[in-house]
Amino acid sequence: MKKKILFLLLMATPMLVSAAGDPLVKESREAIKAFVGELKGNLQAAMKSGGPLKAVEVCKQVSPVITAEQSNARGVEIRRTSLKLRNPNNAPDAWERKILESFEARKAAGEDVRKIDHHERVVIEGKPVFRYMKAIPTAEKPCTICHGKSISPELKAALDKAYPNDQARGFAAGDIRGAFSVIKPL
C-alpha cells in the first residue's frame, strides 16, 4: 500500500524545483551532452578525412553504436527523433510526436529553439519513467550540408542509397531538426 501511495504521489505531484534544479533534468542534459560530444567528434573527423560522404557513413554506422554505448553507460535510453525522419528506426513514439509538435508551436510563438525542452514523469507499460526531450536546432553549417535545401548531387545520391525514404532535407538555419529524447526508469 505504501508503495502505491508513493507511486501516485511521485506521478501526480508537480515539480517543486525548477527544471534547472531537477536532478533528472540535469542527468538527461548531461547524457545528451556526452552523446552529442562523442557523435560530433566522430562527424568532424569524418568531414576532415572524407567530407560529407564520409559523414553519411558515420551517421549510418557509428551513430547507432554511440547511442547504445552512451545509453548503457548512463542507465537511460537516449534517442534522436524528428517529424522529418532520415532513419525510420528513429520514428517518434506517440509521446515524442506530441512533444515535437509542441516544440514547433513554441518556435512559431517566438521561443528560442536552442532553449526548447520538455520533461515529465509518465507511465510506460505500467512502469514509471522520467522523459526528457530537447530540441535540435539546425545550424547553418554543418547541418545544412546534409539536411539543407541545396544538397550536392553526389551527396544526394549517397543519402538516397543509405536512406531510401529520407525526409530530413529542406531545413534552414534556425529550424527544429528534431529532438534528443531520454527515458530513465524510476
Protein backbone atom coordinates (compact mmCIF):
# COMPACT_ATOMS: atom_id res chain seq x y z
CA MET A 1 0.00 0.00 0.00
CA LYS A 2 2.81 2.42 0.89
CA LYS A 3 4.48 1.75 -2.48
CA LYS A 4 1.25 2.50 -4.31
CA ILE A 5 0.77 5.79 -2.43
CA LEU A 6 4.39 6.77 -3.04
CA PHE A 7 4.00 5.93 -6.73
CA LEU A 8 0.83 8.04 -7.01
CA LEU A 9 2.49 10.96 -5.24
CA LEU A 10 5.53 10.69 -7.49
CA MET A 11 3.42 10.73 -10.63
CA ALA A 12 0.86 13.35 -9.55
CA THR A 13 2.90 15.85 -7.54
CA PRO A 14 4.01 18.87 -9.53
CA MET A 15 7.70 19.54 -9.64
CA LEU A 16 8.77 21.53 -6.59
CA VAL A 17 12.06 22.57 -8.15
CA SER A 18 12.76 24.38 -11.37
CA ALA A 19 13.77 22.34 -14.40
CA ALA A 20 17.35 23.53 -13.96
CA GLY A 21 17.34 22.27 -10.37
CA ASP A 22 15.72 18.92 -11.10
CA PRO A 23 18.42 16.24 -10.85
CA LEU A 24 16.70 14.13 -13.54
CA VAL A 25 16.72 17.07 -15.97
CA LYS A 26 20.38 17.65 -15.15
CA GLU A 27 21.18 13.96 -15.67
CA SER A 28 19.30 13.96 -19.00
CA ARG A 29 21.10 17.07 -20.21
CA GLU A 30 24.46 15.56 -19.23
CA ALA A 31 23.62 12.34 -21.11
CA ILE A 32 22.73 14.35 -24.23
CA LYS A 33 25.87 16.47 -23.90
CA ALA A 34 28.07 13.35 -23.71
CA PHE A 35 26.25 11.75 -26.65
CA VAL A 36 26.49 14.90 -28.78
CA GLY A 37 30.15 15.37 -27.89
CA GLU A 38 31.08 11.88 -29.00
CA LEU A 39 28.95 11.98 -32.15
CA LYS A 40 30.17 15.47 -33.07
CA GLY A 41 33.80 14.38 -32.68
CA ASN A 42 33.23 11.42 -34.99
CA LEU A 43 31.40 13.58 -37.55
CA GLN A 44 34.09 16.27 -37.50
CA ALA A 45 36.80 13.64 -38.04
CA ALA A 46 34.79 12.17 -40.91
CA MET A 47 34.29 15.59 -42.51
CA LYS A 48 38.04 16.26 -42.32
CA SER A 49 39.01 12.88 -43.72
CA GLY A 50 36.37 12.41 -46.40
CA GLY A 51 33.87 15.23 -46.38
CA PRO A 52 30.08 14.86 -46.23
CA LEU A 53 30.12 11.43 -47.91
CA LYS A 54 32.21 10.06 -45.06
CA ALA A 55 29.91 11.79 -42.55
CA VAL A 56 26.94 9.88 -44.02
CA GLU A 57 28.78 6.64 -43.25
CA VAL A 58 29.36 7.77 -39.66
CA CYS A 59 25.68 8.64 -39.21
CA LYS A 60 24.58 5.32 -40.68
CA GLN A 61 27.11 3.01 -38.98
CA VAL A 62 28.71 4.74 -35.99
CA SER A 63 25.82 6.79 -34.59
CA PRO A 64 23.77 3.73 -33.52
CA VAL A 65 26.82 2.31 -31.72
CA ILE A 66 27.44 5.60 -29.89
CA THR A 67 23.76 5.78 -28.97
CA ALA A 68 23.79 2.27 -27.49
CA GLU A 69 27.08 2.80 -25.65
CA GLN A 70 26.04 6.13 -24.14
CA SER A 71 22.61 4.75 -23.16
CA ASN A 72 24.12 1.68 -21.49
CA ALA A 73 26.81 3.69 -19.70
CA ARG A 74 24.22 6.04 -18.20
CA GLY A 75 21.34 3.67 -17.49
CA VAL A 76 18.97 5.60 -19.75
CA GLU A 77 17.66 5.31 -23.27
CA ILE A 78 18.99 8.11 -25.48
CA ARG A 79 17.39 8.64 -28.87
CA ARG A 80 17.19 11.15 -31.66
CA THR A 81 13.85 11.59 -33.37
CA SER A 82 12.13 14.00 -35.72
CA LEU A 83 8.94 14.79 -37.55
CA LYS A 84 11.01 14.56 -40.75
CA LEU A 85 12.97 11.32 -40.47
CA ARG A 86 16.11 10.23 -42.20
CA ASN A 87 16.34 6.87 -40.45
CA PRO A 88 12.99 5.09 -39.92
CA ASN A 89 14.43 3.42 -36.80
CA ASN A 90 14.23 6.85 -35.14
CA ALA A 91 10.49 7.29 -35.63
CA PRO A 92 8.87 9.13 -32.72
CA ASP A 93 6.51 7.30 -30.42
CA ALA A 94 3.15 8.98 -29.67
CA TRP A 95 4.53 10.93 -26.70
CA GLU A 96 7.57 12.14 -28.67
CA ARG A 97 5.39 13.16 -31.62
CA LYS A 98 3.17 15.23 -29.32
CA ILE A 99 6.22 16.94 -27.79
CA LEU A 100 7.84 17.55 -31.21
CA GLU A 101 4.61 19.18 -32.38
CA SER A 102 4.54 21.35 -29.24
CA PHE A 103 8.17 22.33 -29.94
CA GLU A 104 7.14 23.56 -33.39
CA ALA A 105 4.30 25.58 -31.86
CA ARG A 106 6.68 27.08 -29.27
CA LYS A 107 9.12 28.02 -32.05
CA ALA A 108 6.28 29.61 -34.04
CA ALA A 109 5.38 31.62 -30.92
CA GLY A 110 8.90 33.04 -30.87
CA GLU A 111 10.71 30.82 -28.36
CA ASP A 112 14.44 30.35 -28.92
CA VAL A 113 14.91 26.88 -30.47
CA ARG A 114 18.17 26.40 -28.56
CA LYS A 115 16.27 26.61 -25.25
CA ILE A 116 13.22 24.49 -26.09
CA ASP A 117 12.88 21.37 -23.95
CA HIS A 118 10.27 19.39 -22.05
CA HIS A 119 10.24 16.88 -19.22
CA GLU A 120 7.67 14.90 -17.30
CA ARG A 121 7.07 11.70 -15.42
CA VAL A 122 4.88 9.21 -17.26
CA VAL A 123 3.98 5.53 -17.15
CA ILE A 124 5.11 3.20 -19.95
CA GLU A 125 3.79 -0.35 -19.89
CA GLY A 126 2.81 0.02 -16.23
CA LYS A 127 6.23 1.35 -15.15
CA PRO A 128 7.04 4.91 -14.09
CA VAL A 129 9.69 6.68 -16.16
CA PHE A 130 11.13 10.14 -16.49
CA ARG A 131 11.08 11.52 -20.04
CA TYR A 132 13.06 14.46 -21.33
CA MET A 133 13.29 15.99 -24.79
CA LYS A 134 15.47 18.79 -26.09
CA ALA A 135 15.02 20.40 -29.50
CA ILE A 136 17.86 20.07 -32.01
CA PRO A 137 18.33 23.42 -33.74
CA THR A 138 19.56 23.45 -37.32
CA ALA A 139 22.80 25.37 -37.65
CA GLU A 140 23.81 26.97 -40.95
CA LYS A 141 26.88 24.76 -41.18
CA PRO A 142 27.47 21.90 -40.91
CA CYS A 143 23.79 20.86 -40.55
CA THR A 144 22.54 22.27 -43.83
CA ILE A 145 25.23 20.47 -45.86
CA CYS A 146 23.31 17.19 -45.39
CA HIS A 147 19.92 18.45 -44.18
CA GLY A 148 19.50 21.72 -46.08
CA LYS A 149 17.75 22.78 -49.25
CA SER A 150 20.81 22.69 -51.53
CA ILE A 151 22.44 19.27 -51.25
CA SER A 152 25.10 18.40 -53.82
CA PRO A 153 24.08 15.73 -56.37
CA GLU A 154 26.85 13.38 -55.17
CA LEU A 155 25.74 13.70 -51.54
CA LYS A 156 22.08 13.36 -52.53
CA ALA A 157 22.91 10.04 -54.26
CA ALA A 158 24.76 8.79 -51.17
CA LEU A 159 21.87 9.79 -48.90
CA ASP A 160 19.33 8.16 -51.23
CA LYS A 161 21.36 4.94 -51.13
CA ALA A 162 21.83 4.95 -47.34
CA TYR A 163 18.32 6.20 -46.52
CA PRO A 164 15.85 5.41 -49.34
CA ASN A 165 12.91 7.09 -47.55
CA ASP A 166 14.83 10.15 -46.33
CA GLN A 167 12.60 13.08 -45.36
CA ALA A 168 15.25 15.01 -43.39
CA ARG A 169 16.04 17.59 -46.05
CA GLY A 170 14.98 21.14 -46.73
CA PHE A 171 15.90 22.55 -43.33
CA ALA A 172 17.13 26.13 -42.92
CA ALA A 173 19.22 27.58 -40.12
CA GLY A 174 17.05 28.05 -37.05
CA ASP A 175 14.61 25.24 -37.89
CA ILE A 176 13.95 22.43 -35.45
CA ARG A 177 15.79 19.49 -36.98
CA GLY A 178 14.34 17.07 -34.42
CA ALA A 179 14.97 16.34 -30.76
CA PHE A 180 17.05 14.34 -28.37
CA SER A 181 14.89 12.08 -26.24
CA VAL A 182 15.85 10.48 -22.93
CA ILE A 183 13.93 7.86 -20.99
CA LYS A 184 15.00 6.95 -17.47
CA PRO A 185 13.29 4.24 -15.44
CA LEU A 186 12.17 5.44 -12.00
